[in-house]
Amino acid sequence: MNVFLKLLFSFLVGGALCVVAQILIDKTKLSPARILVGYVVAGVLLGALGIYGPFADMAGAGATTPLTGFGFLISKGVRQAVDEKGLIGALTGGLTAAAGGTAAALIFGLLAAALCRGGKPKR
């Protein structure tokens, strides 16, 4: 039963983040791109302040899958690289931390484009 509650909590947290984004899209004049960037920046700021780490540990994939999780990953990578390499880590840490996920997204996108038929849909 404990696993079920963790999955349910993760689903609810991820859903709540999506609901907030949808409300911002519907009720404000912000473009979806600005909202997405805001989510990444919020993840970076909350990660840098040490708030997002415990939240991500508690919520699991519900907190790490949305774009706030990507921002948290960047801040975590920068913090680790600065601890290891000094000031130059501020420039390389975010790239190193996010490289695996970014590479996977590019490869799977390329595979999907190669395997799926493009063009206009038939009516």
N, C-alpha and C. Protein backbone atom coordinates (compact mmCIF):
# COMPACT_ATOMS: atom_id res chain seq x y z
N MET A 1 0.82 -1.21 0.00
CA MET A 1 0.00 0.00 0.00
C MET A 1 0.86 1.27 0.00
N ASN A 2 2.04 1.19 0.61
CA ASN A 2 2.92 2.33 0.68
C ASN A 2 3.34 2.79 -0.72
N VAL A 3 3.61 1.84 -1.61
CA VAL A 3 3.99 2.17 -2.98
C VAL A 3 2.84 2.88 -3.69
N PHE A 4 1.63 2.42 -3.47
CA PHE A 4 0.46 3.05 -4.08
C PHE A 4 0.34 4.51 -3.65
N LEU A 5 0.56 4.79 -2.37
CA LEU A 5 0.46 6.16 -1.88
C LEU A 5 1.56 7.05 -2.47
N LYS A 6 2.77 6.51 -2.64
CA LYS A 6 3.84 7.27 -3.26
C LYS A 6 3.50 7.60 -4.71
N LEU A 7 2.97 6.61 -5.43
CA LEU A 7 2.58 6.84 -6.82
C LEU A 7 1.46 7.86 -6.91
N LEU A 8 0.48 7.74 -6.02
CA LEU A 8 -0.64 8.69 -6.01
C LEU A 8 -0.15 10.10 -5.71
N PHE A 9 0.73 10.25 -4.73
CA PHE A 9 1.26 11.57 -4.39
C PHE A 9 2.06 12.16 -5.54
N SER A 10 2.87 11.32 -6.19
CA SER A 10 3.64 11.77 -7.34
C SER A 10 2.71 12.25 -8.45
N PHE A 11 1.66 11.49 -8.72
CA PHE A 11 0.68 11.86 -9.74
C PHE A 11 0.00 13.18 -9.40
N LEU A 12 -0.37 13.35 -8.14
CA LEU A 12 -1.06 14.57 -7.72
C LEU A 12 -0.14 15.80 -7.81
N VAL A 13 1.11 15.65 -7.43
CA VAL A 13 2.05 16.77 -7.51
C VAL A 13 2.30 17.17 -8.96
N GLY A 14 2.58 16.18 -9.81
CA GLY A 14 2.80 16.48 -11.23
C GLY A 14 1.56 17.09 -11.86
N GLY A 15 0.39 16.56 -11.49
CA GLY A 15 -0.86 17.12 -12.00
C GLY A 15 -1.09 18.53 -11.53
N ALA A 16 -0.74 18.81 -10.28
CA ALA A 16 -0.92 20.16 -9.75
C ALA A 16 -0.02 21.16 -10.48
N LEU A 17 1.21 20.76 -10.78
CA LEU A 17 2.10 21.65 -11.54
C LEU A 17 1.53 21.92 -12.93
N CYS A 18 0.96 20.90 -13.54
CA CYS A 18 0.35 21.08 -14.87
C CYS A 18 -0.90 21.95 -14.79
N VAL A 19 -1.69 21.79 -13.74
CA VAL A 19 -2.90 22.59 -13.57
C VAL A 19 -2.54 24.07 -13.42
N VAL A 20 -1.50 24.35 -12.64
CA VAL A 20 -1.07 25.74 -12.46
C VAL A 20 -0.65 26.33 -13.81
N ALA A 21 0.11 25.56 -14.59
CA ALA A 21 0.52 26.05 -15.91
C ALA A 21 -0.69 26.30 -16.81
N GLN A 22 -1.66 25.39 -16.78
CA GLN A 22 -2.85 25.56 -17.62
C GLN A 22 -3.66 26.77 -17.20
N ILE A 23 -3.76 27.01 -15.90
CA ILE A 23 -4.47 28.20 -15.42
C ILE A 23 -3.76 29.47 -15.88
N LEU A 24 -2.43 29.45 -15.82
CA LEU A 24 -1.67 30.61 -16.29
C LEU A 24 -1.89 30.84 -17.78
N ILE A 25 -1.96 29.77 -18.56
CA ILE A 25 -2.22 29.90 -20.00
C ILE A 25 -3.62 30.47 -20.24
N ASP A 26 -4.60 29.96 -19.51
CA ASP A 26 -6.00 30.36 -19.73
C ASP A 26 -6.34 31.75 -19.18
N LYS A 27 -5.77 32.11 -18.05
CA LYS A 27 -6.20 33.32 -17.36
C LYS A 27 -5.27 34.52 -17.50
N THR A 28 -4.11 34.33 -18.10
CA THR A 28 -3.19 35.46 -18.28
C THR A 28 -2.88 35.62 -19.76
N LYS A 29 -2.18 36.67 -20.06
CA LYS A 29 -1.75 36.89 -21.44
C LYS A 29 -0.34 36.38 -21.68
N LEU A 30 0.18 35.62 -20.73
CA LEU A 30 1.51 35.04 -20.90
C LEU A 30 1.47 33.97 -21.98
N SER A 31 2.49 33.95 -22.81
CA SER A 31 2.56 32.91 -23.82
C SER A 31 3.02 31.60 -23.16
N PRO A 32 2.67 30.47 -23.75
CA PRO A 32 3.13 29.19 -23.18
C PRO A 32 4.65 29.13 -23.06
N ALA A 33 5.37 29.74 -24.00
CA ALA A 33 6.83 29.73 -23.93
C ALA A 33 7.33 30.46 -22.69
N ARG A 34 6.71 31.58 -22.36
CA ARG A 34 7.12 32.32 -21.16
C ARG A 34 6.81 31.54 -19.89
N ILE A 35 5.70 30.83 -19.89
CA ILE A 35 5.35 30.02 -18.73
C ILE A 35 6.34 28.88 -18.57
N LEU A 36 6.72 28.25 -19.67
CA LEU A 36 7.70 27.17 -19.61
C LEU A 36 9.04 27.67 -19.10
N VAL A 37 9.48 28.80 -19.59
CA VAL A 37 10.73 29.39 -19.10
C VAL A 37 10.61 29.74 -17.63
N GLY A 38 9.46 30.26 -17.22
CA GLY A 38 9.22 30.56 -15.82
C GLY A 38 9.32 29.33 -14.93
N TYR A 39 8.82 28.21 -15.43
CA TYR A 39 8.92 26.95 -14.68
C TYR A 39 10.38 26.52 -14.52
N VAL A 40 11.15 26.64 -15.59
CA VAL A 40 12.57 26.26 -15.50
C VAL A 40 13.29 27.18 -14.51
N VAL A 41 13.06 28.48 -14.62
CA VAL A 41 13.70 29.43 -13.72
C VAL A 41 13.27 29.18 -12.27
N ALA A 42 12.00 28.88 -12.06
CA ALA A 42 11.52 28.58 -10.71
C ALA A 42 12.24 27.34 -10.16
N GLY A 43 12.43 26.33 -11.00
CA GLY A 43 13.15 25.14 -10.57
C GLY A 43 14.59 25.43 -10.21
N VAL A 44 15.23 26.30 -10.99
CA VAL A 44 16.62 26.69 -10.70
C VAL A 44 16.68 27.45 -9.38
N LEU A 45 15.80 28.44 -9.21
CA LEU A 45 15.83 29.24 -7.99
C LEU A 45 15.51 28.41 -6.75
N LEU A 46 14.47 27.58 -6.84
CA LEU A 46 14.11 26.75 -5.68
C LEU A 46 15.19 25.71 -5.39
N GLY A 47 15.84 25.22 -6.44
CA GLY A 47 16.95 24.29 -6.25
C GLY A 47 18.14 24.97 -5.61
N ALA A 48 18.45 26.18 -6.05
CA ALA A 48 19.57 26.93 -5.49
C ALA A 48 19.34 27.28 -4.02
N LEU A 49 18.09 27.52 -3.66
CA LEU A 49 17.76 27.85 -2.28
C LEU A 49 17.64 26.61 -1.39
N GLY A 50 17.73 25.42 -1.99
CA GLY A 50 17.64 24.19 -1.22
C GLY A 50 16.23 23.75 -0.90
N ILE A 51 15.24 24.34 -1.55
CA ILE A 51 13.84 24.01 -1.29
C ILE A 51 13.36 22.86 -2.18
N TYR A 52 13.80 22.85 -3.44
CA TYR A 52 13.26 21.88 -4.39
C TYR A 52 13.79 20.47 -4.16
N GLY A 53 14.99 20.33 -3.60
CA GLY A 53 15.56 19.00 -3.35
C GLY A 53 14.68 18.14 -2.45
N PRO A 54 14.34 18.61 -1.25
CA PRO A 54 13.46 17.81 -0.38
C PRO A 54 12.07 17.60 -1.00
N PHE A 55 11.59 18.60 -1.73
CA PHE A 55 10.30 18.46 -2.42
C PHE A 55 10.37 17.35 -3.47
N ALA A 56 11.47 17.31 -4.24
CA ALA A 56 11.64 16.29 -5.27
C ALA A 56 11.82 14.91 -4.63
N ASP A 57 12.50 14.84 -3.51
CA ASP A 57 12.65 13.56 -2.81
C ASP A 57 11.30 13.04 -2.34
N MET A 58 10.44 13.93 -1.90
CA MET A 58 9.14 13.54 -1.39
C MET A 58 8.17 13.21 -2.53
N ALA A 59 8.17 14.00 -3.60
CA ALA A 59 7.19 13.84 -4.67
C ALA A 59 7.65 12.94 -5.80
N GLY A 60 8.92 12.61 -5.85
CA GLY A 60 9.43 11.70 -6.88
C GLY A 60 9.28 12.28 -8.28
N ALA A 61 8.84 11.43 -9.20
CA ALA A 61 8.74 11.84 -10.61
C ALA A 61 7.70 12.94 -10.82
N GLY A 62 6.78 13.11 -9.91
CA GLY A 62 5.81 14.20 -10.03
C GLY A 62 6.47 15.56 -9.95
N ALA A 63 7.64 15.63 -9.32
CA ALA A 63 8.35 16.90 -9.20
C ALA A 63 9.55 16.98 -10.14
N THR A 64 10.10 15.82 -10.54
CA THR A 64 11.30 15.86 -11.37
C THR A 64 11.01 15.80 -12.86
N THR A 65 9.84 15.34 -13.25
CA THR A 65 9.52 15.23 -14.67
C THR A 65 9.13 16.56 -15.30
N PRO A 66 8.33 17.41 -14.66
CA PRO A 66 8.00 18.70 -15.29
C PRO A 66 9.23 19.59 -15.44
N LEU A 67 9.07 20.70 -16.10
CA LEU A 67 10.18 21.60 -16.36
C LEU A 67 10.81 22.19 -15.10
N THR A 68 10.07 22.24 -14.02
CA THR A 68 10.68 22.68 -12.77
C THR A 68 11.77 21.69 -12.35
N GLY A 69 11.57 20.43 -12.64
CA GLY A 69 12.57 19.41 -12.35
C GLY A 69 13.82 19.60 -13.20
N PHE A 70 13.64 20.03 -14.45
CA PHE A 70 14.79 20.32 -15.31
C PHE A 70 15.60 21.47 -14.74
N GLY A 71 14.93 22.50 -14.28
CA GLY A 71 15.62 23.63 -13.66
C GLY A 71 16.36 23.20 -12.40
N PHE A 72 15.73 22.34 -11.61
CA PHE A 72 16.37 21.81 -10.41
C PHE A 72 17.61 21.00 -10.77
N LEU A 73 17.52 20.21 -11.82
CA LEU A 73 18.66 19.41 -12.28
C LEU A 73 19.83 20.32 -12.67
N ILE A 74 19.53 21.40 -13.36
CA ILE A 74 20.58 22.35 -13.75
C ILE A 74 21.24 22.97 -12.51
N SER A 75 20.44 23.41 -11.55
CA SER A 75 21.02 24.03 -10.35
C SER A 75 21.83 23.03 -9.54
N LYS A 76 21.36 21.80 -9.49
CA LYS A 76 22.09 20.75 -8.77
C LYS A 76 23.43 20.46 -9.45
N GLY A 77 23.43 20.42 -10.78
CA GLY A 77 24.66 20.19 -11.52
C GLY A 77 25.65 21.32 -11.36
N VAL A 78 25.16 22.55 -11.36
CA VAL A 78 26.04 23.71 -11.18
C VAL A 78 26.64 23.69 -9.77
N ARG A 79 25.83 23.41 -8.78
CA ARG A 79 26.34 23.38 -7.40
C ARG A 79 27.43 22.32 -7.25
N GLN A 80 27.20 21.13 -7.82
CA GLN A 80 28.18 20.06 -7.72
C GLN A 80 29.47 20.41 -8.48
N ALA A 81 29.33 20.99 -9.67
CA ALA A 81 30.51 21.35 -10.46
C ALA A 81 31.30 22.47 -9.81
N VAL A 82 30.63 23.42 -9.18
CA VAL A 82 31.34 24.50 -8.49
C VAL A 82 32.11 23.93 -7.31
N ASP A 83 31.52 22.98 -6.60
CA ASP A 83 32.22 22.35 -5.48
C ASP A 83 33.47 21.60 -5.94
N GLU A 84 33.39 20.98 -7.14
CA GLU A 84 34.50 20.17 -7.64
C GLU A 84 35.53 20.99 -8.40
N LYS A 85 35.09 21.95 -9.24
CA LYS A 85 35.99 22.63 -10.16
C LYS A 85 36.16 24.12 -9.88
N GLY A 86 35.45 24.64 -8.94
CA GLY A 86 35.54 26.06 -8.65
C GLY A 86 34.61 26.87 -9.55
N LEU A 87 34.98 28.10 -9.81
CA LEU A 87 34.12 29.03 -10.55
C LEU A 87 33.80 28.56 -11.97
N ILE A 88 34.72 27.85 -12.61
CA ILE A 88 34.45 27.37 -13.98
C ILE A 88 33.28 26.39 -13.98
N GLY A 89 33.01 25.75 -12.85
CA GLY A 89 31.88 24.84 -12.73
C GLY A 89 30.54 25.52 -12.91
N ALA A 90 30.50 26.83 -12.67
CA ALA A 90 29.26 27.58 -12.87
C ALA A 90 28.87 27.60 -14.34
N LEU A 91 29.87 27.49 -15.21
CA LEU A 91 29.60 27.49 -16.65
C LEU A 91 29.36 26.09 -17.21
N THR A 92 29.98 25.09 -16.61
CA THR A 92 29.91 23.73 -17.17
C THR A 92 28.93 22.82 -16.45
N GLY A 93 28.60 23.11 -15.23
CA GLY A 93 27.79 22.19 -14.41
C GLY A 93 26.41 21.92 -14.96
N GLY A 94 25.72 22.95 -15.40
CA GLY A 94 24.37 22.77 -15.93
C GLY A 94 24.35 21.95 -17.20
N LEU A 95 25.35 22.17 -18.05
CA LEU A 95 25.44 21.40 -19.30
C LEU A 95 25.72 19.94 -19.03
N THR A 96 26.63 19.68 -18.11
CA THR A 96 26.99 18.31 -17.79
C THR A 96 25.83 17.56 -17.15
N ALA A 97 25.12 18.21 -16.24
CA ALA A 97 24.03 17.55 -15.53
C ALA A 97 22.87 17.21 -16.45
N ALA A 98 22.60 18.06 -17.41
CA ALA A 98 21.44 17.86 -18.28
C ALA A 98 21.78 17.15 -19.58
N ALA A 99 23.03 16.80 -19.79
CA ALA A 99 23.46 16.24 -21.07
C ALA A 99 22.77 14.92 -21.40
N GLY A 100 22.62 14.04 -20.43
CA GLY A 100 22.01 12.74 -20.68
C GLY A 100 20.57 12.85 -21.13
N GLY A 101 19.78 13.63 -20.42
CA GLY A 101 18.38 13.80 -20.79
C GLY A 101 18.20 14.51 -22.11
N THR A 102 19.03 15.52 -22.34
CA THR A 102 18.95 16.25 -23.61
C THR A 102 19.33 15.37 -24.78
N ALA A 103 20.38 14.58 -24.61
CA ALA A 103 20.81 13.67 -25.67
C ALA A 103 19.73 12.63 -25.95
N ALA A 104 19.12 12.09 -24.90
CA ALA A 104 18.06 11.10 -25.10
C ALA A 104 16.88 11.71 -25.84
N ALA A 105 16.50 12.93 -25.49
CA ALA A 105 15.38 13.58 -26.17
C ALA A 105 15.69 13.79 -27.65
N LEU A 106 16.92 14.21 -27.95
CA LEU A 106 17.30 14.40 -29.35
C LEU A 106 17.32 13.08 -30.12
N ILE A 107 17.87 12.05 -29.53
CA ILE A 107 17.95 10.74 -30.21
C ILE A 107 16.56 10.16 -30.44
N PHE A 108 15.72 10.18 -29.42
CA PHE A 108 14.37 9.62 -29.58
C PHE A 108 13.54 10.46 -30.53
N GLY A 109 13.73 11.77 -30.53
CA GLY A 109 13.04 12.62 -31.50
C GLY A 109 13.47 12.31 -32.92
N LEU A 110 14.76 12.11 -33.11
CA LEU A 110 15.27 11.74 -34.43
C LEU A 110 14.73 10.39 -34.88
N LEU A 111 14.70 9.41 -33.97
CA LEU A 111 14.14 8.10 -34.30
C LEU A 111 12.65 8.19 -34.66
N ALA A 112 11.91 8.97 -33.90
CA ALA A 112 10.48 9.12 -34.18
C ALA A 112 10.28 9.78 -35.54
N ALA A 113 11.09 10.77 -35.85
CA ALA A 113 10.98 11.44 -37.15
C ALA A 113 11.35 10.50 -38.28
N ALA A 114 12.34 9.64 -38.05
CA ALA A 114 12.78 8.72 -39.11
C ALA A 114 11.78 7.59 -39.32
N LEU A 115 11.12 7.15 -38.26
CA LEU A 115 10.22 6.00 -38.35
C LEU A 115 8.78 6.36 -38.69
N CYS A 116 8.39 7.57 -38.39
CA CYS A 116 7.01 7.98 -38.63
C CYS A 116 6.90 8.79 -39.90
N ARG A 117 5.78 8.65 -40.54
CA ARG A 117 5.56 9.37 -41.77
C ARG A 117 5.18 10.81 -41.47
N GLY A 118 5.81 11.73 -42.14
CA GLY A 118 5.50 13.15 -41.96
C GLY A 118 4.60 13.64 -43.07
N GLY A 119 4.36 14.88 -43.09
CA GLY A 119 3.54 15.48 -44.14
C GLY A 119 2.16 15.82 -43.65
N LYS A 120 1.33 16.23 -44.58
CA LYS A 120 -0.02 16.63 -44.24
C LYS A 120 -0.89 15.41 -43.98
N PRO A 121 -1.77 15.50 -42.97
CA PRO A 121 -2.67 14.37 -42.73
C PRO A 121 -3.72 14.27 -43.82
N LYS A 122 -4.10 13.04 -44.13
CA LYS A 122 -5.14 12.83 -45.14
C LYS A 122 -6.49 13.07 -44.53
N ARG A 123 -7.38 13.63 -45.33
CA ARG A 123 -8.74 13.90 -44.82
C ARG A 123 -9.71 12.90 -45.33
